[in-house]
Amino acid sequence: MKPSRLLLIWLTSLLAIGIVLGSLQALELAMPASVTQINWGLLLALLVLALLDAFRLKRLPSPRLSREIPGSLALGRWTDVHLILEHDFSQPLNVQIFDHVPSGLDFEHLPLTVELQPGQHSRIDYRLRPLKRGHFSFEHCEFNLPSPLGLWSDKRILDVADNTRVYPDFARLYGGQLLAVDNWLSQLGVRQRQRRGLGLEFHQLREFREGDSLRQIDWKATARQRTPIAREYQDERDQQIIFMLDCGRHMRSQDGELSHFDHALNACLLLSYVALRQGDAVGLSTFASEQPRYLAPVKGTSHLNTLLNSVYDLNSSQRSADYQAAATQLLARQKRRALVVLVTNLREEDDDELLPAVKRLSQQHQVLVASLREDVLDTLRQSPVQTLPEALTYCGTVDYLNARAELHDRLNAHGVLVMDALPGKLGAALVTRYLSLKRAAKL
């Protein structure tokens, strides 16, 4: 409990008057004795009122508070949190509220001030924006309760426990379900390339249309229906995709608000969504993390929830990526041929260890290495050079990019598919390459 601004103003005013009166007496200036008595009387009355007000404040019951927060939040998106206050006060009171927000969540409109009316409950809102993924616990909510006369304020902390999880920003994908899959992919910037020939899996019979190949005609069905009937094919289903996600120190680079690891995780989830919709099975294997995780490939769109719940609290570490150990573990677990998507940030020093690991994987699986490239590298390469430090920076950037390109060329020379992409464009690039491989029947 602490004195309010009103009480401090009254005390300061009366004490100032007392000092002035005392100074006048010391100077032996004539003044009525009643003025001093009135000042002391007012000071004594203020102290009595303050004590009574403090006693009444201590007897006031705390309001009852509940918090309404979604069970899951999207990384980087603003979300409203609702606080509901109920009380038994007989007169209006202005209460200041501050919710104890866990570290890792940004907030707006705190602290809040609300006027509590007798016989009514109050509902107030503030906004949250998660800055990192994971599990967050809300434990306390603090509010300042004023005394009936406004001379004191009492800070009270209520135990209001709530939990929420912060997932990757996957809401934009769910919104796409209202559209046709092809249109939705086009909005994301995914380009579906036409392939030569037909799909490998029969889909249905339909009437022959202009533009169909004569090889599509089903002659038996045509004879029965007495009209040209064509066979329609679709991309082969029941393929398996395994993500090998690097959780090491190379993925800790920051581009904007998200790290390379967050961009990589979003891209993996985006491709998982598309692949599951295509009827393929999706799995996940992490390496260089504090707690390595593995999910066997499973089909069905419901598997996406399993993926989200498995990776929402996954973070990068300070460890170096051990590609050989990761390849050994995956080969022991995944016997059936699959598309292995290795998502990492390749550096020149990775050549000696990465190439043997990828070659081992390629003996049993189709391997696609997706390497993230820092945005700042492109910015530095395109910046004008006018001074010696700028020239040194430019030369260092070009040398680094050339070393990366040579590493990619060496991988390509050994038949390994390599994709170099900016973090923000990795998701669409992965989906484009996946659809291209699927249409080319290379999975």
Protein backbone atom coordinates (compact mmCIF):
# COMPACT_ATOMS: atom_id res chain seq x y z
CA MET A 1 0.00 0.00 0.00
CA LYS A 2 1.30 3.45 -0.88
CA PRO A 3 -0.01 7.02 -0.56
CA SER A 4 -1.85 8.45 -3.51
CA ARG A 5 -0.96 11.66 -5.28
CA LEU A 6 -3.90 13.41 -3.56
CA LEU A 7 -2.59 12.57 -0.09
CA LEU A 8 0.92 13.69 -0.98
CA ILE A 9 -0.38 17.02 -2.30
CA TRP A 10 -2.34 17.67 0.91
CA LEU A 11 0.61 16.74 3.11
CA THR A 12 3.02 18.87 1.08
CA SER A 13 0.66 21.87 1.18
CA LEU A 14 0.07 21.70 4.96
CA LEU A 15 3.74 21.17 5.69
CA ALA A 16 4.66 24.12 3.46
CA ILE A 17 2.16 26.32 5.31
CA GLY A 18 3.63 25.15 8.64
CA ILE A 19 7.15 26.02 7.48
CA VAL A 20 6.03 29.48 6.40
CA LEU A 21 4.27 30.09 9.73
CA GLY A 22 7.31 28.88 11.66
CA SER A 23 9.57 31.20 9.68
CA LEU A 24 7.30 34.16 10.40
CA GLN A 25 7.39 33.36 14.13
CA ALA A 26 11.19 33.09 14.05
CA LEU A 27 11.33 36.53 12.50
CA GLU A 28 9.03 37.75 15.32
CA LEU A 29 6.43 38.99 12.89
CA ALA A 30 2.97 39.47 14.35
CA MET A 31 0.21 37.10 13.16
CA PRO A 32 -2.90 35.59 14.69
CA ALA A 33 -2.29 32.53 16.88
CA SER A 34 -5.40 30.89 15.45
CA VAL A 35 -3.70 30.47 12.03
CA THR A 36 -1.11 28.10 13.48
CA GLN A 37 -3.77 26.18 15.39
CA ILE A 38 -5.89 25.80 12.24
CA ASN A 39 -2.90 24.48 10.29
CA TRP A 40 -2.10 21.87 12.97
CA GLY A 41 -5.75 20.94 13.18
CA LEU A 42 -5.95 20.37 9.43
CA LEU A 43 -2.78 18.27 9.52
CA LEU A 44 -4.12 16.17 12.39
CA ALA A 45 -7.47 15.72 10.64
CA LEU A 46 -5.71 14.64 7.45
CA LEU A 47 -3.70 12.04 9.35
CA VAL A 48 -6.84 10.67 11.01
CA LEU A 49 -8.68 10.49 7.67
CA ALA A 50 -5.67 8.81 6.09
CA LEU A 51 -5.59 6.15 8.80
CA LEU A 52 -9.33 5.51 8.51
CA ASP A 53 -9.07 5.39 4.71
CA ALA A 54 -6.17 2.93 4.89
CA PHE A 55 -8.16 0.72 7.28
CA ARG A 56 -11.16 0.71 4.95
CA LEU A 57 -8.92 -0.08 1.97
CA LYS A 58 -7.45 -3.10 3.70
CA ARG A 59 -10.93 -4.43 4.35
CA LEU A 60 -12.01 -4.10 0.72
CA PRO A 61 -12.18 -7.50 -1.00
CA SER A 62 -10.13 -8.02 -4.12
CA PRO A 63 -12.01 -8.14 -7.42
CA ARG A 64 -12.42 -11.52 -9.09
CA LEU A 65 -10.59 -11.72 -12.37
CA SER A 66 -10.58 -14.21 -15.23
CA ARG A 67 -8.53 -14.18 -18.42
CA GLU A 68 -9.73 -15.27 -21.84
CA ILE A 69 -6.80 -16.16 -24.08
CA PRO A 70 -6.74 -18.52 -27.09
CA GLY A 71 -5.14 -21.88 -26.47
CA SER A 72 -2.91 -21.37 -29.49
CA LEU A 73 -1.33 -18.25 -30.96
CA ALA A 74 0.36 -17.64 -34.30
CA LEU A 75 3.94 -16.40 -34.29
CA GLY A 76 4.13 -12.68 -35.10
CA ARG A 77 0.35 -12.12 -35.23
CA TRP A 78 -1.51 -9.76 -32.90
CA THR A 79 -4.21 -11.41 -30.77
CA ASP A 80 -6.73 -9.89 -28.35
CA VAL A 81 -6.72 -11.03 -24.72
CA HIS A 82 -9.84 -10.38 -22.65
CA LEU A 83 -9.86 -9.68 -18.90
CA ILE A 84 -13.18 -9.99 -17.06
CA LEU A 85 -13.51 -8.29 -13.65
CA GLU A 86 -16.26 -8.99 -11.12
CA HIS A 87 -16.53 -7.23 -7.75
CA ASP A 88 -18.74 -6.48 -4.75
CA PHE A 89 -18.00 -2.76 -4.35
CA SER A 90 -20.87 -0.47 -3.41
CA GLN A 91 -19.42 2.58 -5.16
CA PRO A 92 -17.59 3.20 -8.44
CA LEU A 93 -13.83 2.69 -8.35
CA ASN A 94 -11.12 3.34 -10.95
CA VAL A 95 -8.76 0.37 -11.00
CA GLN A 96 -5.45 0.10 -12.86
CA ILE A 97 -4.62 -3.40 -14.15
CA PHE A 98 -1.38 -4.89 -15.40
CA ASP A 99 -1.22 -8.48 -16.62
CA HIS A 100 2.07 -10.28 -16.03
CA VAL A 101 2.89 -11.25 -19.61
CA PRO A 102 5.58 -13.95 -20.00
CA SER A 103 8.86 -13.09 -21.62
CA GLY A 104 8.78 -13.69 -25.36
CA LEU A 105 5.37 -12.05 -25.87
CA ASP A 106 5.02 -8.43 -26.93
CA PHE A 107 1.98 -6.49 -25.71
CA GLU A 108 0.04 -3.28 -26.25
CA HIS A 109 -2.41 -1.22 -24.13
CA LEU A 110 -0.99 -2.25 -20.74
CA PRO A 111 -1.49 -1.11 -18.02
CA LEU A 112 -5.26 -0.72 -18.35
CA THR A 113 -7.55 1.59 -16.39
CA VAL A 114 -11.20 0.63 -15.89
CA GLU A 115 -14.03 2.09 -13.84
CA LEU A 116 -15.84 -0.59 -11.84
CA GLN A 117 -19.53 0.08 -11.49
CA PRO A 118 -21.57 -1.43 -8.63
CA GLY A 119 -23.47 -4.55 -9.60
CA GLN A 120 -21.75 -4.87 -12.98
CA HIS A 121 -18.81 -6.82 -14.33
CA SER A 122 -16.22 -5.17 -16.57
CA ARG A 123 -14.54 -6.56 -19.67
CA ILE A 124 -11.31 -5.03 -20.97
CA ASP A 125 -8.88 -6.04 -23.70
CA TYR A 126 -5.23 -5.77 -24.57
CA ARG A 127 -3.15 -7.19 -27.44
CA LEU A 128 -0.42 -9.82 -27.58
CA ARG A 129 2.09 -10.61 -30.30
CA PRO A 130 4.32 -13.67 -29.85
CA LEU A 131 7.98 -13.12 -30.66
CA LYS A 132 8.97 -16.77 -30.39
CA ARG A 133 7.35 -20.18 -30.46
CA GLY A 134 6.79 -22.48 -27.52
CA HIS A 135 4.67 -22.96 -24.42
CA PHE A 136 3.85 -19.92 -22.26
CA SER A 137 2.28 -19.76 -18.82
CA PHE A 138 0.40 -16.78 -17.37
CA GLU A 139 0.48 -16.90 -13.58
CA HIS A 140 -0.40 -13.51 -12.09
CA CYS A 141 -2.35 -10.36 -12.75
CA GLU A 142 -1.63 -7.15 -10.83
CA PHE A 143 -3.96 -4.25 -10.13
CA ASN A 144 -3.91 -1.08 -8.03
CA LEU A 145 -7.01 -0.68 -5.89
CA PRO A 146 -7.76 2.90 -4.71
CA SER A 147 -9.10 3.62 -1.23
CA PRO A 148 -12.67 4.97 -0.81
CA LEU A 149 -11.38 8.52 -0.19
CA GLY A 150 -8.64 8.24 -2.79
CA LEU A 151 -5.80 8.80 -0.28
CA TRP A 152 -4.14 5.40 -0.76
CA SER A 153 -3.67 2.73 -3.43
CA ASP A 154 -3.08 -0.93 -2.69
CA LYS A 155 -1.20 -3.18 -5.13
CA ARG A 156 -2.73 -6.63 -5.17
CA ILE A 157 -1.59 -9.63 -7.16
CA LEU A 158 -4.09 -12.28 -8.13
CA ASP A 159 -3.18 -15.82 -9.10
CA VAL A 160 -4.76 -16.26 -12.52
CA ALA A 161 -3.18 -19.27 -14.24
CA ASP A 162 -3.54 -19.77 -17.98
CA ASN A 163 -1.49 -21.50 -20.66
CA THR A 164 -1.10 -21.00 -24.37
CA ARG A 165 1.04 -22.36 -27.16
CA VAL A 166 2.67 -20.34 -29.92
CA TYR A 167 2.73 -22.12 -33.27
CA PRO A 168 4.32 -21.10 -36.56
CA ASP A 169 2.13 -18.70 -38.52
CA PHE A 170 0.14 -21.32 -40.34
CA ALA A 171 -3.20 -19.51 -40.44
CA ARG A 172 -2.70 -18.37 -44.02
CA LEU A 173 -2.67 -21.99 -45.13
CA TYR A 174 -5.97 -22.84 -43.49
CA GLY A 175 -7.52 -19.84 -45.20
CA GLY A 176 -6.58 -21.38 -48.52
CA GLN A 177 -8.89 -24.33 -48.00
CA LEU A 178 -11.81 -22.26 -49.25
CA LEU A 179 -10.18 -22.06 -52.68
CA ALA A 180 -9.25 -24.68 -55.19
CA VAL A 181 -5.81 -26.07 -54.46
CA ASP A 182 -4.39 -24.93 -57.81
CA ASN A 183 -5.66 -21.36 -57.38
CA TRP A 184 -4.39 -21.26 -53.83
CA LEU A 185 -0.93 -22.43 -54.87
CA SER A 186 -0.88 -19.77 -57.57
CA GLN A 187 -1.57 -17.09 -54.95
CA LEU A 188 1.46 -18.29 -53.00
CA GLY A 189 3.65 -17.90 -56.08
CA VAL A 190 3.97 -21.62 -56.73
CA ARG A 191 4.37 -22.49 -60.40
CA GLN A 192 3.13 -25.86 -61.57
CA ARG A 193 5.08 -26.93 -64.64
CA GLN A 194 3.54 -29.06 -67.34
CA ARG A 195 5.26 -32.39 -67.90
CA ARG A 196 5.46 -34.61 -70.91
CA GLY A 197 3.31 -37.69 -70.97
CA LEU A 198 0.74 -38.76 -68.44
CA GLY A 199 0.57 -39.43 -64.77
CA LEU A 200 1.37 -42.85 -63.44
CA GLU A 201 -1.88 -43.51 -61.58
CA PHE A 202 -5.34 -43.98 -63.08
CA HIS A 203 -7.91 -41.57 -61.69
CA GLN A 204 -11.22 -41.88 -63.56
CA LEU A 205 -13.02 -42.27 -66.90
CA ARG A 206 -14.59 -39.25 -68.55
CA GLU A 207 -15.77 -38.05 -71.94
CA PHE A 208 -13.08 -37.38 -74.52
CA ARG A 209 -12.29 -33.66 -74.73
CA GLU A 210 -10.47 -31.54 -77.24
CA GLY A 211 -6.77 -31.59 -76.48
CA ASP A 212 -6.73 -35.15 -75.08
CA SER A 213 -4.23 -37.60 -76.52
CA LEU A 214 -5.47 -40.56 -78.52
CA ARG A 215 -3.55 -42.79 -76.11
CA GLN A 216 -5.99 -41.74 -73.39
CA ILE A 217 -8.98 -43.32 -75.15
CA ASP A 218 -10.38 -46.39 -73.40
CA TRP A 219 -11.64 -48.41 -76.38
CA LYS A 220 -13.70 -50.87 -74.35
CA ALA A 221 -15.56 -48.09 -72.54
CA THR A 222 -15.94 -46.26 -75.84
CA ALA A 223 -17.57 -49.32 -77.42
CA ARG A 224 -19.97 -49.72 -74.52
CA GLN A 225 -20.98 -46.05 -74.37
CA ARG A 226 -20.89 -45.49 -78.16
CA THR A 227 -19.03 -42.22 -77.54
CA PRO A 228 -15.32 -41.52 -77.06
CA ILE A 229 -14.29 -42.15 -73.43
CA ALA A 230 -10.85 -41.08 -72.15
CA ARG A 231 -8.82 -42.25 -69.20
CA GLU A 232 -7.79 -39.50 -66.78
CA TYR A 233 -4.57 -39.89 -64.85
CA GLN A 234 -3.23 -38.12 -61.81
CA ASP A 235 0.16 -37.77 -60.21
CA GLU A 236 1.20 -40.93 -58.45
CA ARG A 237 0.21 -40.95 -54.78
CA ASP A 238 1.49 -42.76 -51.74
CA GLN A 239 4.97 -41.27 -51.88
CA GLN A 240 6.93 -40.48 -48.74
CA ILE A 241 8.66 -37.22 -47.81
CA ILE A 242 11.13 -36.92 -44.94
CA PHE A 243 12.34 -33.53 -43.75
CA MET A 244 15.84 -33.45 -42.30
CA LEU A 245 15.75 -30.16 -40.43
CA ASP A 246 19.01 -28.61 -39.28
CA CYS A 247 18.58 -27.14 -35.80
CA GLY A 248 22.22 -26.10 -35.40
CA ARG A 249 24.00 -22.78 -35.12
CA HIS A 250 23.94 -22.08 -38.88
CA MET A 251 20.17 -21.66 -38.65
CA ARG A 252 20.30 -18.91 -36.03
CA SER A 253 20.85 -16.08 -38.54
CA GLN A 254 18.17 -13.44 -38.30
CA ASP A 255 16.35 -11.92 -41.27
CA GLY A 256 13.74 -9.47 -40.02
CA GLU A 257 11.72 -10.73 -37.09
CA LEU A 258 12.20 -14.43 -37.92
CA SER A 259 15.35 -16.51 -37.81
CA HIS A 260 16.42 -18.82 -40.60
CA PHE A 261 15.19 -21.68 -38.45
CA ASP A 262 11.68 -20.21 -38.23
CA HIS A 263 11.61 -19.64 -41.99
CA ALA A 264 12.77 -23.22 -42.56
CA LEU A 265 10.14 -24.58 -40.19
CA ASN A 266 7.40 -22.59 -41.93
CA ALA A 267 8.58 -23.87 -45.31
CA CYS A 268 8.54 -27.48 -44.11
CA LEU A 269 5.01 -27.08 -42.80
CA LEU A 270 3.89 -25.47 -46.05
CA LEU A 271 5.24 -28.35 -48.12
CA SER A 272 3.76 -30.82 -45.62
CA TYR A 273 0.34 -29.27 -46.12
CA VAL A 274 0.60 -29.55 -49.91
CA ALA A 275 2.04 -33.08 -49.85
CA LEU A 276 -0.60 -34.38 -47.46
CA ARG A 277 -3.29 -32.87 -49.68
CA GLN A 278 -1.68 -34.71 -52.59
CA GLY A 279 -2.02 -38.03 -50.75
CA ASP A 280 1.65 -38.44 -49.81
CA ALA A 281 3.06 -39.34 -46.41
CA VAL A 282 5.17 -36.80 -44.52
CA GLY A 283 7.74 -37.36 -41.77
CA LEU A 284 10.33 -35.31 -39.90
CA SER A 285 13.79 -35.84 -38.48
CA THR A 286 15.76 -33.13 -36.68
CA PHE A 287 19.47 -33.01 -35.90
CA ALA A 288 21.88 -30.73 -34.03
CA SER A 289 19.10 -29.88 -31.56
CA GLU A 290 18.97 -30.18 -27.79
CA GLN A 291 16.25 -32.84 -28.06
CA PRO A 292 16.28 -34.53 -31.51
CA ARG A 293 12.83 -35.48 -32.74
CA TYR A 294 11.60 -38.00 -35.26
CA LEU A 295 8.18 -38.55 -36.80
CA ALA A 296 7.65 -41.49 -39.14
CA PRO A 297 5.93 -40.66 -42.44
CA VAL A 298 2.13 -40.73 -42.14
CA LYS A 299 -0.57 -39.92 -44.67
CA GLY A 300 -3.74 -37.87 -44.14
CA THR A 301 -4.37 -34.18 -43.59
CA SER A 302 -4.94 -34.81 -39.88
CA HIS A 303 -1.22 -35.60 -39.62
CA LEU A 304 -0.56 -31.88 -40.02
CA ASN A 305 -1.79 -31.28 -36.46
CA THR A 306 0.66 -33.92 -35.23
CA LEU A 307 3.48 -32.13 -37.03
CA LEU A 308 2.49 -28.78 -35.57
CA ASN A 309 2.29 -30.14 -32.03
CA SER A 310 5.68 -31.79 -32.45
CA VAL A 311 7.63 -28.75 -33.67
CA TYR A 312 5.89 -25.70 -32.19
CA ASP A 313 8.40 -25.53 -29.30
CA LEU A 314 11.42 -26.62 -31.32
CA ASN A 315 14.31 -24.17 -31.29
CA SER A 316 17.77 -23.92 -32.79
CA SER A 317 20.85 -24.62 -30.69
CA GLN A 318 24.52 -23.62 -30.58
CA ARG A 319 25.65 -27.04 -31.82
CA SER A 320 27.33 -27.73 -35.13
CA ALA A 321 25.45 -29.85 -37.65
CA ASP A 322 26.67 -33.47 -37.75
CA TYR A 323 25.45 -34.56 -41.20
CA GLN A 324 27.04 -38.00 -41.01
CA ALA A 325 25.31 -38.89 -37.75
CA ALA A 326 22.00 -37.50 -39.03
CA ALA A 327 22.26 -39.59 -42.22
CA THR A 328 23.09 -42.73 -40.24
CA GLN A 329 20.06 -42.28 -37.98
CA LEU A 330 17.71 -41.64 -40.89
CA LEU A 331 18.95 -44.64 -42.88
CA ALA A 332 18.37 -46.85 -39.85
CA ARG A 333 14.82 -45.59 -39.43
CA GLN A 334 13.62 -45.06 -43.00
CA LYS A 335 13.91 -48.20 -45.12
CA ARG A 336 11.43 -47.35 -47.86
CA ARG A 337 12.55 -45.01 -50.64
CA ALA A 338 11.51 -41.42 -49.97
CA LEU A 339 12.19 -37.83 -50.93
CA VAL A 340 14.58 -36.56 -48.26
CA VAL A 341 14.50 -32.76 -47.99
CA LEU A 342 17.58 -31.57 -46.12
CA VAL A 343 16.96 -28.00 -44.97
CA THR A 344 20.09 -26.22 -43.81
CA ASN A 345 22.37 -23.23 -44.43
CA LEU A 346 25.37 -24.53 -46.29
CA ARG A 347 28.80 -23.08 -45.62
CA GLU A 348 32.13 -23.81 -47.28
CA GLU A 349 33.36 -25.72 -44.23
CA ASP A 350 30.46 -28.19 -44.59
CA ASP A 351 31.84 -29.70 -47.81
CA ASP A 352 33.98 -32.47 -46.30
CA GLU A 353 31.19 -33.83 -44.11
CA LEU A 354 28.06 -33.01 -46.11
CA LEU A 355 28.96 -34.62 -49.43
CA PRO A 356 29.69 -38.13 -48.04
CA ALA A 357 26.49 -38.01 -45.97
CA VAL A 358 24.34 -36.95 -48.91
CA LYS A 359 25.92 -39.59 -51.17
CA ARG A 360 25.01 -42.28 -48.62
CA LEU A 361 21.44 -41.04 -48.50
CA SER A 362 21.24 -40.87 -52.29
CA GLN A 363 21.93 -44.59 -52.58
CA GLN A 364 18.52 -45.31 -51.07
CA HIS A 365 16.53 -42.06 -51.32
CA GLN A 366 15.97 -39.09 -53.58
CA VAL A 367 17.74 -36.19 -51.81
CA LEU A 368 16.94 -32.49 -52.15
CA VAL A 369 19.23 -30.06 -50.32
CA ALA A 370 17.51 -26.75 -49.57
CA SER A 371 20.09 -24.15 -48.57
CA LEU A 372 19.04 -20.80 -47.12
CA ARG A 373 20.85 -17.65 -48.21
CA GLU A 374 20.98 -14.53 -46.04
CA ASP A 375 19.12 -11.48 -47.40
CA VAL A 376 21.98 -9.24 -46.38
CA LEU A 377 24.31 -10.98 -48.85
CA ASP A 378 22.23 -9.89 -51.82
CA THR A 379 21.94 -6.39 -50.38
CA LEU A 380 25.72 -6.07 -49.95
CA ARG A 381 26.40 -7.46 -53.41
CA GLN A 382 24.13 -4.86 -55.02
CA SER A 383 25.28 -1.90 -52.91
CA PRO A 384 27.47 0.78 -54.57
CA VAL A 385 31.16 0.69 -53.65
CA GLN A 386 32.78 4.08 -52.96
CA THR A 387 35.16 3.60 -50.04
CA LEU A 388 37.82 1.08 -49.06
CA PRO A 389 35.71 -0.54 -46.26
CA GLU A 390 32.82 -0.88 -48.71
CA ALA A 391 35.15 -2.48 -51.26
CA LEU A 392 36.46 -4.95 -48.68
CA THR A 393 32.92 -5.83 -47.63
CA TYR A 394 31.87 -6.30 -51.25
CA CYS A 395 34.84 -8.54 -52.03
CA GLY A 396 34.26 -10.63 -48.92
CA THR A 397 30.58 -11.06 -49.82
CA VAL A 398 31.33 -12.09 -53.40
CA ASP A 399 34.01 -14.52 -52.24
CA TYR A 400 31.59 -16.09 -49.76
CA LEU A 401 28.84 -16.42 -52.38
CA ASN A 402 31.27 -17.95 -54.87
CA ALA A 403 32.34 -20.52 -52.28
CA ARG A 404 28.68 -21.41 -51.70
CA ALA A 405 28.08 -21.72 -55.44
CA GLU A 406 31.09 -24.05 -55.80
CA LEU A 407 29.73 -26.25 -53.01
CA HIS A 408 26.34 -26.39 -54.73
CA ASP A 409 28.03 -27.27 -58.04
CA ARG A 410 29.93 -30.13 -56.41
CA LEU A 411 26.72 -31.52 -55.01
CA ASN A 412 25.01 -31.21 -58.39
CA ALA A 413 27.93 -32.99 -60.02
CA HIS A 414 27.21 -36.00 -57.80
CA GLY A 415 23.55 -36.06 -58.80
CA VAL A 416 22.24 -34.27 -55.70
CA LEU A 417 19.42 -31.80 -56.18
CA VAL A 418 20.32 -28.43 -54.63
CA MET A 419 18.11 -25.41 -54.14
CA ASP A 420 19.44 -22.02 -52.99
CA ALA A 421 16.69 -19.71 -51.73
CA LEU A 422 16.11 -16.65 -49.60
CA PRO A 423 14.42 -17.51 -46.29
CA GLY A 424 11.15 -15.73 -47.10
CA LYS A 425 10.84 -17.50 -50.46
CA LEU A 426 11.87 -20.96 -49.35
CA GLY A 427 8.32 -22.27 -48.87
CA ALA A 428 7.06 -21.51 -52.38
CA ALA A 429 10.34 -22.72 -53.90
CA LEU A 430 10.11 -26.04 -52.06
CA VAL A 431 6.53 -26.62 -53.17
CA THR A 432 7.41 -25.76 -56.77
CA ARG A 433 10.31 -28.24 -56.79
CA TYR A 434 8.18 -30.93 -55.10
CA LEU A 435 5.42 -30.61 -57.71
CA SER A 436 8.00 -30.62 -60.49
CA LEU A 437 9.55 -33.85 -59.20
CA LYS A 438 6.15 -35.41 -58.73
CA ARG A 439 5.00 -34.56 -62.25
CA ALA A 440 8.28 -35.84 -63.67
CA ALA A 441 7.72 -39.15 -61.80
CA LYS A 442 11.10 -38.84 -60.05
CA LEU A 443 9.78 -39.54 -56.53
